[in-house]
Amino acid sequence: MTPPEMDQGVLGRIEASLPALRRYAIALLRNRDDADDLVHDCVVRALDKLHTRRDDADVRAWLFTIMHNLFVSQLRRKRVRPVAEPLEERHEDAHAAEAGQDGPLRWRDLMRALAQLPEEQRSVLLLVSVEDLSYAETATVLDVPIGTVMSRLSRARERLRQLTDGERPPLRRVK
């Protein structure tokens, strides 16, 4: 396979991964504009480092690794220079729902509970349950052992159960 043909295949896989990258970024940052910026930075970094990627490496896991590393770098920068956070509960009445609309309320509660998880647990939960990465791929993305992925996932699921009053969250179960 010649390099231009290979690059077209890799570029196609990068493009196909964009919705999953955006979904993961939104879940991490809880802000669509910031998530779009993170996805953009991830793709720019991936294109810049395309020549360093191993041919046998999974493009999707490679992109998630890049995104996770960028996210962690952003967190570190914010700790050095904290930014004022908006209040979570502001304008709560504007989001009130009529009786009988349990679905959107449960979804809102799940999103709040997810936001309360430590970043390490939230990342593992999102990569395994939402983005369908295997334990091994998640371990590679986060640069941790598989056992750490499994324990973080277990703790995240248990904490979500506690935060949602014992209701089982609508997340895929991995065996």
Protein backbone atom coordinates (compact mmCIF):
# COMPACT_ATOMS: atom_id res chain seq x y z
CA MET A 1 0.00 0.00 0.00
CA THR A 2 1.45 3.36 -0.94
CA PRO A 3 1.57 6.16 1.65
CA PRO A 4 -1.13 8.33 -0.05
CA GLU A 5 -3.56 5.39 -0.13
CA MET A 6 -2.78 4.56 3.48
CA ASP A 7 -3.29 8.20 4.50
CA GLN A 8 -6.70 8.25 2.79
CA GLY A 9 -7.74 5.17 4.77
CA VAL A 10 -6.51 6.67 8.02
CA LEU A 11 -8.15 10.00 7.22
CA GLY A 12 -11.42 8.20 6.56
CA ARG A 13 -11.19 6.41 9.91
CA ILE A 14 -10.39 9.70 11.64
CA GLU A 15 -13.44 11.28 10.02
CA ALA A 16 -15.62 8.31 11.00
CA SER A 17 -14.46 8.71 14.64
CA LEU A 18 -15.49 12.36 14.93
CA PRO A 19 -19.02 11.75 16.35
CA ALA A 20 -17.63 9.44 19.07
CA LEU A 21 -14.85 11.92 19.89
CA ARG A 22 -17.37 14.74 20.17
CA ARG A 23 -19.70 12.66 22.35
CA TYR A 24 -16.82 11.79 24.70
CA ALA A 25 -15.60 15.40 24.80
CA ILE A 26 -19.08 16.69 25.66
CA ALA A 27 -19.40 14.13 28.44
CA LEU A 28 -16.01 15.12 29.84
CA LEU A 29 -16.40 18.88 29.60
CA ARG A 30 -20.20 19.31 29.83
CA ASN A 31 -19.96 22.27 27.44
CA ARG A 32 -20.49 21.89 23.69
CA ASP A 33 -18.22 24.78 22.69
CA ASP A 34 -15.35 23.53 24.86
CA ALA A 35 -15.96 20.00 23.56
CA ASP A 36 -15.78 21.18 19.95
CA ASP A 37 -12.50 22.93 20.76
CA LEU A 38 -11.13 19.75 22.33
CA VAL A 39 -12.14 17.66 19.30
CA HIS A 40 -10.56 20.22 17.00
CA ASP A 41 -7.32 20.21 19.01
CA CYS A 42 -7.35 16.40 19.00
CA VAL A 43 -7.73 16.18 15.21
CA VAL A 44 -5.07 18.83 14.64
CA ARG A 45 -2.68 16.94 16.92
CA ALA A 46 -3.53 13.63 15.21
CA LEU A 47 -2.89 15.05 11.75
CA ASP A 48 0.33 16.64 12.95
CA LYS A 49 1.50 13.32 14.45
CA LEU A 50 0.11 11.06 11.72
CA HIS A 51 3.62 10.06 10.67
CA THR A 52 4.35 8.72 14.19
CA ARG A 53 1.33 6.40 14.35
CA ARG A 54 2.03 2.69 14.14
CA ASP A 55 0.36 1.12 11.11
CA ASP A 56 -1.12 -1.69 13.21
CA ALA A 57 -2.54 0.67 15.86
CA ASP A 58 -6.30 1.17 16.05
CA VAL A 59 -7.03 4.71 14.84
CA ARG A 60 -10.04 5.15 17.13
CA ALA A 61 -8.14 4.17 20.30
CA TRP A 62 -5.21 6.35 19.16
CA LEU A 63 -7.55 9.36 18.79
CA PHE A 64 -9.11 8.75 22.22
CA THR A 65 -5.60 8.60 23.70
CA ILE A 66 -4.72 11.94 22.12
CA MET A 67 -8.00 13.47 23.34
CA HIS A 68 -7.60 12.15 26.86
CA ASN A 69 -4.05 13.50 27.08
CA LEU A 70 -5.21 16.92 25.84
CA PHE A 71 -8.05 16.87 28.39
CA VAL A 72 -5.68 16.02 31.25
CA SER A 73 -3.36 18.83 30.14
CA GLN A 74 -6.29 21.26 30.18
CA LEU A 75 -7.22 20.13 33.71
CA ARG A 76 -3.68 20.72 34.91
CA ARG A 77 -3.64 24.21 33.38
CA LYS A 78 -6.97 25.04 35.02
CA ARG A 79 -5.64 23.97 38.41
CA VAL A 80 -2.80 26.42 38.00
CA ARG A 81 -5.14 29.18 36.78
CA PRO A 82 -8.66 28.39 38.04
CA VAL A 83 -11.60 29.75 36.06
CA ALA A 84 -14.86 30.83 37.69
CA GLU A 85 -17.48 28.10 37.30
CA PRO A 86 -21.16 28.90 36.70
CA LEU A 87 -23.61 27.72 39.33
CA GLU A 88 -25.15 24.35 38.45
CA GLU A 89 -28.59 25.05 39.83
CA ARG A 90 -29.17 28.47 38.28
CA HIS A 91 -32.43 28.92 36.39
CA GLU A 92 -33.68 25.54 37.59
CA ASP A 93 -37.27 26.69 37.08
CA ALA A 94 -36.61 27.29 33.38
CA HIS A 95 -36.00 23.54 32.99
CA ALA A 96 -39.03 22.38 34.95
CA ALA A 97 -41.07 19.64 33.31
CA GLU A 98 -44.72 18.71 33.54
CA ALA A 99 -45.76 15.71 35.61
CA GLY A 100 -45.43 12.46 33.71
CA GLN A 101 -42.21 13.41 31.97
CA ASP A 102 -39.99 11.11 33.97
CA GLY A 103 -37.59 10.31 31.14
CA PRO A 104 -36.04 13.78 30.78
CA LEU A 105 -35.88 14.17 34.57
CA ARG A 106 -34.13 10.82 34.99
CA TRP A 107 -31.74 11.75 32.21
CA ARG A 108 -30.97 15.07 33.93
CA ASP A 109 -30.38 13.26 37.22
CA LEU A 110 -28.09 10.76 35.50
CA MET A 111 -26.08 13.58 33.90
CA ARG A 112 -25.74 15.30 37.27
CA ALA A 113 -24.63 12.06 38.90
CA LEU A 114 -22.15 11.45 36.10
CA ALA A 115 -20.75 14.95 36.58
CA GLN A 116 -20.17 14.18 40.28
CA LEU A 117 -17.94 11.21 39.54
CA PRO A 118 -14.19 11.74 39.77
CA GLU A 119 -12.66 12.34 36.33
CA GLU A 120 -10.84 8.98 36.38
CA GLN A 121 -14.06 7.03 36.98
CA ARG A 122 -16.10 9.15 34.54
CA SER A 123 -13.54 8.63 31.75
CA VAL A 124 -13.49 4.86 32.18
CA LEU A 125 -17.27 4.66 32.38
CA LEU A 126 -17.74 6.74 29.23
CA LEU A 127 -15.09 4.93 27.19
CA VAL A 128 -16.37 1.44 28.08
CA SER A 129 -20.13 2.01 28.36
CA VAL A 130 -20.77 4.74 25.84
CA GLU A 131 -17.93 4.52 23.33
CA ASP A 132 -17.80 0.70 23.39
CA LEU A 133 -14.04 0.44 23.85
CA SER A 134 -12.75 -2.81 25.30
CA TYR A 135 -11.01 -2.87 28.66
CA ALA A 136 -7.67 -3.25 26.85
CA GLU A 137 -8.36 -0.29 24.54
CA THR A 138 -9.52 1.82 27.49
CA ALA A 139 -6.37 0.89 29.40
CA THR A 140 -4.29 1.98 26.42
CA VAL A 141 -6.18 5.26 26.04
CA LEU A 142 -5.82 6.14 29.71
CA ASP A 143 -2.34 4.60 30.07
CA VAL A 144 -3.32 2.47 33.07
CA PRO A 145 -3.39 -1.31 33.69
CA ILE A 146 -6.52 -3.27 32.74
CA GLY A 147 -7.15 -4.06 36.42
CA THR A 148 -7.30 -0.33 37.14
CA VAL A 149 -9.87 0.09 34.35
CA MET A 150 -11.98 -2.69 35.84
CA SER A 151 -11.85 -1.32 39.40
CA ARG A 152 -12.58 2.26 38.29
CA LEU A 153 -15.50 1.02 36.22
CA SER A 154 -16.88 -0.95 39.15
CA ARG A 155 -16.55 2.02 41.53
CA ALA A 156 -18.11 4.37 38.96
CA ARG A 157 -21.12 2.11 38.45
CA GLU A 158 -21.62 1.70 42.20
CA ARG A 159 -21.34 5.44 42.81
CA LEU A 160 -23.87 6.11 40.02
CA ARG A 161 -26.28 3.66 41.66
CA GLN A 162 -25.91 5.52 44.97
CA LEU A 163 -26.37 8.92 43.36
CA THR A 164 -29.45 7.81 41.42
CA ASP A 165 -31.18 6.37 44.50
CA GLY A 166 -30.39 2.78 43.66
CA GLU A 167 -31.88 2.92 40.17
CA ARG A 168 -29.79 1.08 37.64
CA PRO A 169 -28.42 3.65 35.16
CA PRO A 170 -29.14 2.92 31.48
CA LEU A 171 -25.55 1.88 30.70
CA ARG A 172 -24.38 -1.18 28.84
CA ARG A 173 -23.10 -4.00 31.04
CA VAL A 174 -19.75 -5.48 30.03
CA LYS A 175 -18.75 -8.97 31.09
